[in-house]
N, C-alpha and C. Protein backbone atom coordinates (compact mmCIF):
# COMPACT_ATOMS: atom_id res chain seq x y z
N UNK A 1 0.83 -1.19 0.00
CA UNK A 1 0.00 0.00 0.00
C UNK A 1 0.88 1.26 0.00
N UNK A 2 0.34 2.29 -0.62
CA UNK A 2 1.06 3.55 -0.67
C UNK A 2 0.78 4.35 0.59
N UNK A 3 1.38 5.52 0.65
CA UNK A 3 1.16 6.38 1.82
C UNK A 3 -0.20 7.05 1.74
N UNK A 4 -0.51 7.88 2.72
CA UNK A 4 -1.80 8.56 2.79
C UNK A 4 -1.94 9.55 1.63
N UNK A 5 -2.97 9.37 0.82
CA UNK A 5 -3.20 10.24 -0.34
C UNK A 5 -4.10 11.43 -0.02
N UNK A 6 -4.66 11.48 1.17
CA UNK A 6 -5.64 12.52 1.52
C UNK A 6 -5.08 13.94 1.42
N UNK A 7 -3.87 14.25 1.92
CA UNK A 7 -3.39 15.64 1.80
C UNK A 7 -3.33 16.14 0.35
N UNK A 8 -2.82 15.32 -0.55
CA UNK A 8 -2.76 15.71 -1.96
C UNK A 8 -4.16 15.82 -2.56
N UNK A 9 -5.04 14.91 -2.17
CA UNK A 9 -6.42 14.94 -2.65
C UNK A 9 -7.11 16.23 -2.23
N UNK A 10 -6.95 16.63 -0.97
CA UNK A 10 -7.57 17.86 -0.47
C UNK A 10 -7.02 19.08 -1.20
N UNK A 11 -5.73 19.07 -1.49
CA UNK A 11 -5.12 20.18 -2.24
C UNK A 11 -5.78 20.32 -3.61
N UNK A 12 -6.01 19.19 -4.28
CA UNK A 12 -6.64 19.21 -5.60
C UNK A 12 -8.10 19.64 -5.52
N UNK A 13 -8.79 19.20 -4.47
CA UNK A 13 -10.19 19.60 -4.29
C UNK A 13 -10.30 21.11 -4.09
N UNK A 14 -9.42 21.66 -3.22
CA UNK A 14 -9.44 23.10 -2.97
C UNK A 14 -9.14 23.89 -4.24
N UNK A 15 -8.17 23.42 -5.02
CA UNK A 15 -7.80 24.09 -6.26
C UNK A 15 -8.97 24.13 -7.25
N UNK A 16 -9.85 23.14 -7.15
CA UNK A 16 -11.01 23.08 -8.06
C UNK A 16 -12.21 23.85 -7.50
N UNK A 17 -12.05 24.46 -6.33
CA UNK A 17 -13.13 25.25 -5.75
C UNK A 17 -14.01 24.50 -4.76
N UNK A 18 -13.67 23.24 -4.46
CA UNK A 18 -14.45 22.48 -3.49
C UNK A 18 -14.16 23.02 -2.09
N UNK A 19 -15.15 22.92 -1.20
CA UNK A 19 -14.98 23.46 0.14
C UNK A 19 -15.34 22.44 1.21
N UNK A 20 -14.63 22.53 2.34
CA UNK A 20 -14.92 21.71 3.51
C UNK A 20 -16.21 22.24 4.12
N UNK A 21 -17.14 21.33 4.45
CA UNK A 21 -18.41 21.74 5.04
C UNK A 21 -18.43 21.47 6.54
N UNK A 22 -18.17 20.20 6.91
CA UNK A 22 -18.24 19.82 8.32
C UNK A 22 -17.57 18.48 8.52
N UNK A 23 -17.36 18.14 9.79
CA UNK A 23 -16.87 16.81 10.12
C UNK A 23 -18.02 15.82 9.93
N UNK A 24 -17.68 14.62 9.48
CA UNK A 24 -18.68 13.58 9.29
C UNK A 24 -18.51 12.51 10.35
N UNK A 25 -19.03 11.33 10.07
CA UNK A 25 -18.90 10.21 11.02
C UNK A 25 -17.48 9.66 10.99
N UNK A 26 -17.00 9.24 12.13
CA UNK A 26 -15.67 8.64 12.21
C UNK A 26 -14.61 9.63 11.78
N UNK A 27 -13.74 9.18 10.88
CA UNK A 27 -12.66 10.06 10.42
C UNK A 27 -12.95 10.63 9.03
N UNK A 28 -14.22 10.87 8.73
CA UNK A 28 -14.60 11.44 7.45
C UNK A 28 -14.93 12.92 7.58
N UNK A 29 -14.76 13.64 6.49
CA UNK A 29 -15.18 15.03 6.39
C UNK A 29 -16.20 15.11 5.26
N UNK A 30 -17.10 16.08 5.34
CA UNK A 30 -18.07 16.32 4.28
C UNK A 30 -17.61 17.56 3.52
N UNK A 31 -17.49 17.40 2.21
CA UNK A 31 -17.07 18.49 1.33
C UNK A 31 -18.18 18.79 0.33
N UNK A 32 -18.11 19.99 -0.28
CA UNK A 32 -19.09 20.39 -1.29
C UNK A 32 -18.37 20.74 -2.59
N UNK A 33 -18.92 20.27 -3.70
CA UNK A 33 -18.35 20.57 -5.01
C UNK A 33 -19.25 21.55 -5.77
N UNK A 34 -18.70 22.71 -6.18
CA UNK A 34 -19.50 23.65 -6.97
C UNK A 34 -19.76 23.11 -8.39
N UNK A 35 -18.96 22.15 -8.83
CA UNK A 35 -19.13 21.59 -10.17
C UNK A 35 -20.36 20.69 -10.24
N UNK A 36 -20.55 19.85 -9.23
CA UNK A 36 -21.68 18.92 -9.23
C UNK A 36 -22.83 19.40 -8.34
N UNK A 37 -22.58 20.45 -7.55
CA UNK A 37 -23.57 20.96 -6.58
C UNK A 37 -23.97 19.88 -5.58
N UNK A 38 -23.01 19.02 -5.21
CA UNK A 38 -23.29 17.93 -4.28
C UNK A 38 -22.27 17.89 -3.15
N UNK A 39 -22.71 17.28 -2.05
CA UNK A 39 -21.81 17.01 -0.92
C UNK A 39 -21.27 15.60 -1.08
N UNK A 40 -20.04 15.38 -0.61
CA UNK A 40 -19.43 14.06 -0.69
C UNK A 40 -18.46 13.87 0.47
N UNK A 41 -18.26 12.61 0.91
CA UNK A 41 -17.36 12.34 2.03
C UNK A 41 -15.90 12.17 1.59
N UNK A 42 -14.99 12.60 2.46
CA UNK A 42 -13.56 12.41 2.23
C UNK A 42 -12.98 11.78 3.49
N UNK A 43 -12.41 10.59 3.35
CA UNK A 43 -11.78 9.87 4.46
C UNK A 43 -10.44 10.54 4.78
N UNK A 44 -10.04 10.50 6.05
CA UNK A 44 -8.78 11.11 6.45
C UNK A 44 -7.55 10.26 6.16
N UNK A 45 -7.75 8.98 5.85
CA UNK A 45 -6.60 8.10 5.58
C UNK A 45 -6.84 7.28 4.32
N UNK A 46 -6.82 7.95 3.18
CA UNK A 46 -7.03 7.24 1.91
C UNK A 46 -5.69 6.66 1.46
N UNK A 47 -5.63 5.35 1.36
CA UNK A 47 -4.40 4.67 0.95
C UNK A 47 -4.47 4.18 -0.49
N UNK A 48 -5.67 3.99 -1.01
CA UNK A 48 -5.87 3.43 -2.35
C UNK A 48 -6.07 4.54 -3.38
N UNK A 49 -5.35 4.45 -4.48
CA UNK A 49 -5.52 5.45 -5.55
C UNK A 49 -6.91 5.33 -6.16
N UNK A 50 -7.49 4.13 -6.12
CA UNK A 50 -8.84 3.94 -6.65
C UNK A 50 -9.86 4.73 -5.82
N UNK A 51 -9.68 4.70 -4.50
CA UNK A 51 -10.59 5.44 -3.62
C UNK A 51 -10.40 6.94 -3.84
N UNK A 52 -9.16 7.39 -3.97
CA UNK A 52 -8.89 8.81 -4.20
C UNK A 52 -9.52 9.27 -5.51
N UNK A 53 -9.40 8.45 -6.55
CA UNK A 53 -10.01 8.80 -7.84
C UNK A 53 -11.53 8.80 -7.76
N UNK A 54 -12.10 7.92 -6.94
CA UNK A 54 -13.55 7.88 -6.77
C UNK A 54 -14.04 9.18 -6.12
N UNK A 55 -13.27 9.69 -5.17
CA UNK A 55 -13.64 10.96 -4.53
C UNK A 55 -13.58 12.09 -5.56
N UNK A 56 -12.54 12.09 -6.39
CA UNK A 56 -12.43 13.12 -7.43
C UNK A 56 -13.62 13.04 -8.39
N UNK A 57 -14.04 11.83 -8.74
CA UNK A 57 -15.20 11.66 -9.62
C UNK A 57 -16.46 12.24 -8.97
N UNK A 58 -16.63 11.99 -7.68
CA UNK A 58 -17.80 12.52 -6.97
C UNK A 58 -17.79 14.05 -6.98
N UNK A 59 -16.60 14.62 -7.01
CA UNK A 59 -16.46 16.08 -7.03
C UNK A 59 -16.57 16.63 -8.45
N UNK A 60 -16.68 15.75 -9.45
CA UNK A 60 -16.80 16.19 -10.83
C UNK A 60 -15.47 16.47 -11.50
N UNK A 61 -14.40 15.86 -10.96
CA UNK A 61 -13.05 16.10 -11.48
C UNK A 61 -12.50 14.85 -12.17
N UNK A 62 -11.45 15.04 -12.96
CA UNK A 62 -10.79 13.93 -13.65
C UNK A 62 -9.95 13.11 -12.68
N UNK A 63 -9.70 11.84 -13.04
CA UNK A 63 -8.81 10.98 -12.24
C UNK A 63 -7.40 11.57 -12.28
N UNK A 64 -6.71 11.54 -11.14
CA UNK A 64 -5.35 12.08 -11.09
C UNK A 64 -4.37 11.18 -10.35
N UNK A 65 -4.86 10.07 -9.77
CA UNK A 65 -3.97 9.21 -8.99
C UNK A 65 -3.73 7.90 -9.72
């Protein structure tokens, strides 16, 4: 497994205009995407590039991992 991908993922989300909304259950955060007009969860310890790409897709962004 690779290292934690969450810091880089959050950087990309912020650059695309996504915003942190609130803390979610467990170690998740709820974010909002202006592209999709939807809220989506972001885990604090994403180790899989597939999971990171799935979060980007939910935010309306291209795969980057």
